[in-house]
Amino acid sequence: MLKYITLAGIIYFFYWLFKQKLRNRKLAEQGIVVEHKGMRPVTLLSIVLLVMYGGYMLYFFIFETQTG
């Protein structure tokens, strides 16, 4: 189940990234310069995936080892 959630998250991330690129190009054509502030999107994606898989690993070690 986790792999499907991850796949959906990655697909949505690339959809969002593509939409942002198109939005920034349209604004640049109008002469509006968009400043990039904060974390880069790839950094944010890697943090989310790291937390998600880390949480799964903790769940596995805490709950699955007790039942076996």
PDB file of N, CA and C in Angstrom:
ATOM      1  N   MET A   1       0.830  -1.192   0.000  1.00  0.00           N
ATOM      2  CA  MET A   1       0.000   0.000   0.000  1.00  0.00           C
ATOM      3  C   MET A   1       0.876   1.258   0.000  1.00  0.00           C
ATOM      4  N   LEU A   2       1.964   1.205   0.747  1.00  0.00           N
ATOM      5  CA  LEU A   2       2.844   2.369   0.850  1.00  0.00           C
ATOM      6  C   LEU A   2       3.465   2.727  -0.496  1.00  0.00           C
ATOM      7  N   LYS A   3       3.771   1.698  -1.294  1.00  0.00           N
ATOM      8  CA  LYS A   3       4.384   1.986  -2.592  1.00  0.00           C
ATOM      9  C   LYS A   3       3.407   2.708  -3.521  1.00  0.00           C
ATOM     10  N   TYR A   4       2.111   2.412  -3.400  1.00  0.00           N
ATOM     11  CA  TYR A   4       1.122   3.098  -4.241  1.00  0.00           C
ATOM     12  C   TYR A   4       0.923   4.548  -3.794  1.00  0.00           C
ATOM     13  N   ILE A   5       0.959   4.758  -2.492  1.00  0.00           N
ATOM     14  CA  ILE A   5       0.859   6.128  -1.977  1.00  0.00           C
ATOM     15  C   ILE A   5       2.077   6.937  -2.406  1.00  0.00           C
ATOM     16  N   THR A   6       3.253   6.305  -2.335  1.00  0.00           N
ATOM     17  CA  THR A   6       4.483   6.971  -2.768  1.00  0.00           C
ATOM     18  C   THR A   6       4.427   7.310  -4.251  1.00  0.00           C
ATOM     19  N   LEU A   7       3.973   6.359  -5.054  1.00  0.00           N
ATOM     20  CA  LEU A   7       3.873   6.594  -6.492  1.00  0.00           C
ATOM     21  C   LEU A   7       2.904   7.729  -6.804  1.00  0.00           C
ATOM     22  N   ALA A   8       1.771   7.748  -6.106  1.00  0.00           N
ATOM     23  CA  ALA A   8       0.808   8.828  -6.314  1.00  0.00           C
ATOM     24  C   ALA A   8       1.403  10.166  -5.893  1.00  0.00           C
ATOM     25  N   GLY A   9       2.140  10.173  -4.801  1.00  0.00           N
ATOM     26  CA  GLY A   9       2.783  11.404  -4.343  1.00  0.00           C
ATOM     27  C   GLY A   9       3.818  11.908  -5.331  1.00  0.00           C
ATOM     28  N   ILE A  10       4.607  11.018  -5.896  1.00  0.00           N
ATOM     29  CA  ILE A  10       5.630  11.419  -6.872  1.00  0.00           C
ATOM     30  C   ILE A  10       4.981  11.924  -8.151  1.00  0.00           C
ATOM     31  N   ILE A  11       3.918  11.263  -8.602  1.00  0.00           N
ATOM     32  CA  ILE A  11       3.210  11.732  -9.804  1.00  0.00           C
ATOM     33  C   ILE A  11       2.617  13.117  -9.562  1.00  0.00           C
ATOM     34  N   TYR A  12       1.998  13.304  -8.394  1.00  0.00           N
ATOM     35  CA  TYR A  12       1.441  14.613  -8.079  1.00  0.00           C
ATOM     36  C   TYR A  12       2.537  15.661  -7.969  1.00  0.00           C
ATOM     37  N   PHE A  13       3.695  15.305  -7.424  1.00  0.00           N
ATOM     38  CA  PHE A  13       4.816  16.245  -7.316  1.00  0.00           C
ATOM     39  C   PHE A  13       5.253  16.729  -8.693  1.00  0.00           C
ATOM     40  N   PHE A  14       5.421  15.798  -9.635  1.00  0.00           N
ATOM     41  CA  PHE A  14       5.847  16.209 -10.973  1.00  0.00           C
ATOM     42  C   PHE A  14       4.759  17.009 -11.688  1.00  0.00           C
ATOM     43  N   TYR A  15       3.502  16.694 -11.440  1.00  0.00           N
ATOM     44  CA  TYR A  15       2.404  17.491 -11.985  1.00  0.00           C
ATOM     45  C   TYR A  15       2.469  18.916 -11.434  1.00  0.00           C
ATOM     46  N   TRP A  16       2.642  19.049 -10.128  1.00  0.00           N
ATOM     47  CA  TRP A  16       2.742  20.362  -9.489  1.00  0.00           C
ATOM     48  C   TRP A  16       3.962  21.126 -10.007  1.00  0.00           C
ATOM     49  N   LEU A  17       5.097  20.430 -10.135  1.00  0.00           N
ATOM     50  CA  LEU A  17       6.313  21.080 -10.615  1.00  0.00           C
ATOM     51  C   LEU A  17       6.135  21.587 -12.041  1.00  0.00           C
ATOM     52  N   PHE A  18       5.512  20.782 -12.895  1.00  0.00           N
ATOM     53  CA  PHE A  18       5.265  21.185 -14.275  1.00  0.00           C
ATOM     54  C   PHE A  18       4.322  22.381 -14.328  1.00  0.00           C
ATOM     55  N   LYS A  19       3.278  22.357 -13.491  1.00  0.00           N
ATOM     56  CA  LYS A  19       2.318  23.461 -13.436  1.00  0.00           C
ATOM     57  C   LYS A  19       3.007  24.751 -12.970  1.00  0.00           C
ATOM     58  N   GLN A  20       3.902  24.642 -11.991  1.00  0.00           N
ATOM     59  CA  GLN A  20       4.634  25.824 -11.505  1.00  0.00           C
ATOM     60  C   GLN A  20       5.552  26.391 -12.584  1.00  0.00           C
ATOM     61  N   LYS A  21       6.201  25.504 -13.334  1.00  0.00           N
ATOM     62  CA  LYS A  21       7.085  25.968 -14.417  1.00  0.00           C
ATOM     63  C   LYS A  21       6.288  26.734 -15.466  1.00  0.00           C
ATOM     64  N   LEU A  22       5.124  26.186 -15.841  1.00  0.00           N
ATOM     65  CA  LEU A  22       4.288  26.886 -16.831  1.00  0.00           C
ATOM     66  C   LEU A  22       3.806  28.229 -16.292  1.00  0.00           C
ATOM     67  N   ARG A  23       3.426  28.265 -15.025  1.00  0.00           N
ATOM     68  CA  ARG A  23       2.963  29.504 -14.396  1.00  0.00           C
ATOM     69  C   ARG A  23       4.075  30.551 -14.369  1.00  0.00           C
ATOM     70  N   ASN A  24       5.279  30.116 -14.025  1.00  0.00           N
ATOM     71  CA  ASN A  24       6.408  31.055 -13.980  1.00  0.00           C
ATOM     72  C   ASN A  24       6.770  31.570 -15.371  1.00  0.00           C
ATOM     73  N   ARG A  25       6.638  30.718 -16.387  1.00  0.00           N
ATOM     74  CA  ARG A  25       6.912  31.175 -17.755  1.00  0.00           C
ATOM     75  C   ARG A  25       5.904  32.215 -18.214  1.00  0.00           C
ATOM     76  N   LYS A  26       4.615  31.970 -17.871  1.00  0.00           N
ATOM     77  CA  LYS A  26       3.587  32.942 -18.245  1.00  0.00           C
ATOM     78  C   LYS A  26       3.824  34.280 -17.553  1.00  0.00           C
ATOM     79  N   LEU A  27       4.187  34.231 -16.278  1.00  0.00           N
ATOM     80  CA  LEU A  27       4.469  35.471 -15.553  1.00  0.00           C
ATOM     81  C   LEU A  27       5.708  36.166 -16.114  1.00  0.00           C
ATOM     82  N   ALA A  28       6.712  35.402 -16.508  1.00  0.00           N
ATOM     83  CA  ALA A  28       7.924  35.987 -17.083  1.00  0.00           C
ATOM     84  C   ALA A  28       7.621  36.661 -18.424  1.00  0.00           C
ATOM     85  N   GLU A  29       6.715  36.078 -19.194  1.00  0.00           N
ATOM     86  CA  GLU A  29       6.313  36.696 -20.460  1.00  0.00           C
ATOM     87  C   GLU A  29       5.610  38.027 -20.224  1.00  0.00           C
ATOM     88  N   GLN A  30       4.914  38.146 -19.096  1.00  0.00           N
ATOM     89  CA  GLN A  30       4.232  39.390 -18.763  1.00  0.00           C
ATOM     90  C   GLN A  30       5.171  40.396 -18.108  1.00  0.00           C
ATOM     91  N   GLY A  31       6.404  39.979 -17.850  1.00  0.00           N
ATOM     92  CA  GLY A  31       7.367  40.884 -17.245  1.00  0.00           C
ATOM     93  C   GLY A  31       7.416  40.822 -15.732  1.00  0.00           C
ATOM     94  N   ILE A  32       6.744  39.885 -15.143  1.00  0.00           N
ATOM     95  CA  ILE A  32       6.742  39.729 -13.689  1.00  0.00           C
ATOM     96  C   ILE A  32       7.799  38.697 -13.323  1.00  0.00           C
ATOM     97  N   VAL A  33       8.746  39.100 -12.492  1.00  0.00           N
ATOM     98  CA  VAL A  33       9.810  38.198 -12.081  1.00  0.00           C
ATOM     99  C   VAL A  33       9.421  37.564 -10.748  1.00  0.00           C
ATOM    100  N   VAL A  34       9.455  36.243 -10.717  1.00  0.00           N
ATOM    101  CA  VAL A  34       9.089  35.511  -9.508  1.00  0.00           C
ATOM    102  C   VAL A  34      10.368  35.109  -8.780  1.00  0.00           C
ATOM    103  N   GLU A  35      10.491  35.527  -7.528  1.00  0.00           N
ATOM    104  CA  GLU A  35      11.649  35.142  -6.732  1.00  0.00           C
ATOM    105  C   GLU A  35      11.369  33.796  -6.072  1.00  0.00           C
ATOM    106  N   HIS A  36      12.363  32.951  -6.091  1.00  0.00           N
ATOM    107  CA  HIS A  36      12.224  31.649  -5.453  1.00  0.00           C
ATOM    108  C   HIS A  36      12.731  31.754  -4.032  1.00  0.00           C
ATOM    109  N   LYS A  37      11.820  31.521  -3.090  1.00  0.00           N
ATOM    110  CA  LYS A  37      12.175  31.599  -1.679  1.00  0.00           C
ATOM    111  C   LYS A  37      11.935  30.241  -1.037  1.00  0.00           C
ATOM    112  N   GLY A  38      12.640  29.984   0.025  1.00  0.00           N
ATOM    113  CA  GLY A  38      12.412  28.745   0.769  1.00  0.00           C
ATOM    114  C   GLY A  38      13.137  27.562   0.163  1.00  0.00           C
ATOM    115  N   MET A  39      12.647  26.385   0.532  1.00  0.00           N
ATOM    116  CA  MET A  39      13.264  25.149   0.071  1.00  0.00           C
ATOM    117  C   MET A  39      12.919  24.862  -1.381  1.00  0.00           C
ATOM    118  N   ARG A  40      13.845  24.191  -2.038  1.00  0.00           N
ATOM    119  CA  ARG A  40      13.578  23.744  -3.395  1.00  0.00           C
ATOM    120  C   ARG A  40      12.577  22.597  -3.346  1.00  0.00           C
ATOM    121  N   PRO A  41      11.769  22.430  -4.382  1.00  0.00           N
ATOM    122  CA  PRO A  41      10.758  21.371  -4.372  1.00  0.00           C
ATOM    123  C   PRO A  41      11.336  19.963  -4.222  1.00  0.00           C
ATOM    124  N   VAL A  42      12.499  19.712  -4.818  1.00  0.00           N
ATOM    125  CA  VAL A  42      13.099  18.387  -4.715  1.00  0.00           C
ATOM    126  C   VAL A  42      13.521  18.106  -3.280  1.00  0.00           C
ATOM    127  N   THR A  43      14.005  19.126  -2.577  1.00  0.00           N
ATOM    128  CA  THR A  43      14.372  18.963  -1.178  1.00  0.00           C
ATOM    129  C   THR A  43      13.140  18.636  -0.346  1.00  0.00           C
ATOM    130  N   LEU A  44      12.060  19.317  -0.610  1.00  0.00           N
ATOM    131  CA  LEU A  44      10.814  19.056   0.109  1.00  0.00           C
ATOM    132  C   LEU A  44      10.315  17.632  -0.155  1.00  0.00           C
ATOM    133  N   LEU A  45      10.384  17.175  -1.402  1.00  0.00           N
ATOM    134  CA  LEU A  45       9.975  15.821  -1.735  1.00  0.00           C
ATOM    135  C   LEU A  45      10.842  14.793  -1.027  1.00  0.00           C
ATOM    136  N   SER A  46      12.150  15.023  -0.992  1.00  0.00           N
ATOM    137  CA  SER A  46      13.034  14.060  -0.343  1.00  0.00           C
ATOM    138  C   SER A  46      12.780  14.001   1.158  1.00  0.00           C
ATOM    139  N   ILE A  47      12.480  15.123   1.785  1.00  0.00           N
ATOM    140  CA  ILE A  47      12.170  15.133   3.213  1.00  0.00           C
ATOM    141  C   ILE A  47      10.877  14.368   3.485  1.00  0.00           C
ATOM    142  N   VAL A  48       9.869  14.581   2.659  1.00  0.00           N
ATOM    143  CA  VAL A  48       8.588  13.874   2.839  1.00  0.00           C
ATOM    144  C   VAL A  48       8.779  12.371   2.683  1.00  0.00           C
ATOM    145  N   LEU A  49       9.512  11.948   1.662  1.00  0.00           N
ATOM    146  CA  LEU A  49       9.744  10.521   1.460  1.00  0.00           C
ATOM    147  C   LEU A  49      10.563   9.922   2.588  1.00  0.00           C
ATOM    148  N   LEU A  50      11.552  10.641   3.073  1.00  0.00           N
ATOM    149  CA  LEU A  50      12.385  10.166   4.173  1.00  0.00           C
ATOM    150  C   LEU A  50      11.559   9.979   5.442  1.00  0.00           C
ATOM    151  N   VAL A  51      10.707  10.943   5.750  1.00  0.00           N
ATOM    152  CA  VAL A  51       9.853  10.841   6.935  1.00  0.00           C
ATOM    153  C   VAL A  51       8.851   9.700   6.778  1.00  0.00           C
ATOM    154  N   MET A  52       8.286   9.554   5.582  1.00  0.00           N
ATOM    155  CA  MET A  52       7.296   8.515   5.353  1.00  0.00           C
ATOM    156  C   MET A  52       7.916   7.123   5.510  1.00  0.00           C
ATOM    157  N   TYR A  53       9.052   6.884   4.883  1.00  0.00           N
ATOM    158  CA  TYR A  53       9.681   5.577   4.989  1.00  0.00           C
ATOM    159  C   TYR A  53      10.303   5.355   6.361  1.00  0.00           C
ATOM    160  N   GLY A  54      10.792   6.405   6.997  1.00  0.00           N
ATOM    161  CA  GLY A  54      11.288   6.281   8.363  1.00  0.00           C
ATOM    162  C   GLY A  54      10.174   5.902   9.328  1.00  0.00           C
ATOM    163  N   GLY A  55       9.016   6.511   9.161  1.00  0.00           N
ATOM    164  CA  GLY A  55       7.860   6.169   9.984  1.00  0.00           C
ATOM    165  C   GLY A  55       7.415   4.738   9.759  1.00  0.00           C
ATOM    166  N   TYR A  56       7.444   4.295   8.518  1.00  0.00           N
ATOM    167  CA  TYR A  56       7.087   2.908   8.225  1.00  0.00           C
ATOM    168  C   TYR A  56       8.081   1.940   8.863  1.00  0.00           C
ATOM    169  N   MET A  57       9.358   2.274   8.803  1.00  0.00           N
ATOM    170  CA  MET A  57      10.381   1.420   9.391  1.00  0.00           C
ATOM    171  C   MET A  57      10.211   1.333  10.905  1.00  0.00           C
ATOM    172  N   LEU A  58       9.920   2.463  11.549  1.00  0.00           N
ATOM    173  CA  LEU A  58       9.667   2.436  12.986  1.00  0.00           C
ATOM    174  C   LEU A  58       8.431   1.601  13.305  1.00  0.00           C
ATOM    175  N   TYR A  59       7.374   1.760  12.535  1.00  0.00           N
ATOM    176  CA  TYR A  59       6.161   0.971  12.728  1.00  0.00           C
ATOM    177  C   TYR A  59       6.465  -0.519  12.596  1.00  0.00           C
ATOM    178  N   PHE A  60       7.235  -0.863  11.579  1.00  0.00           N
ATOM    179  CA  PHE A  60       7.569  -2.265  11.352  1.00  0.00           C
ATOM    180  C   PHE A  60       8.363  -2.826  12.520  1.00  0.00           C
ATOM    181  N   PHE A  61       9.374  -2.095  12.980  1.00  0.00           N
ATOM    182  CA  PHE A  61      10.209  -2.612  14.059  1.00  0.00           C
ATOM    183  C   PHE A  61       9.482  -2.653  15.400  1.00  0.00           C
ATOM    184  N   ILE A  62       8.570  -1.730  15.639  1.00  0.00           N
ATOM    185  CA  ILE A  62       7.884  -1.699  16.922  1.00  0.00           C
ATOM    186  C   ILE A  62       6.756  -2.714  16.967  1.00  0.00           C
ATOM    187  N   PHE A  63       5.906  -2.756  15.940  1.00  0.00           N
ATOM    188  CA  PHE A  63       4.706  -3.576  15.999  1.00  0.00           C
ATOM    189  C   PHE A  63       4.871  -4.965  15.380  1.00  0.00           C
ATOM    190  N   GLU A  64       5.625  -5.092  14.334  1.00  0.00           N
ATOM    191  CA  GLU A  64       5.744  -6.381  13.662  1.00  0.00           C
ATOM    192  C   GLU A  64       6.672  -7.337  14.413  1.00  0.00           C
ATOM    193  N   THR A  65       7.686  -6.827  15.087  1.00  0.00           N
ATOM    194  CA  THR A  65       8.591  -7.720  15.813  1.00  0.00           C
ATOM    195  C   THR A  65       7.975  -8.228  17.096  1.00  0.00           C
ATOM    196  N   GLN A  66       6.994  -7.525  17.642  1.00  0.00           N
ATOM    197  CA  GLN A  66       6.338  -7.972  18.872  1.00  0.00           C
ATOM    198  C   GLN A  66       5.381  -9.130  18.599  1.00  0.00           C
ATOM    199  N   THR A  67       4.782  -9.179  17.437  1.00  0.00           N
ATOM    200  CA  THR A  67       3.830 -10.239  17.131  1.00  0.00           C
ATOM    201  C   THR A  67       4.518 -11.525  16.718  1.00  0.00           C
ATOM    202  N   GLY A  68       5.744 -11.444  16.243  1.00  0.00           N
ATOM    203  CA  GLY A  68       6.455 -12.621  15.749  1.00  0.00           C
ATOM    204  C   GLY A  68       7.177 -13.300  16.824  1.00  0.00           C
TER     205      GLY A  68
END
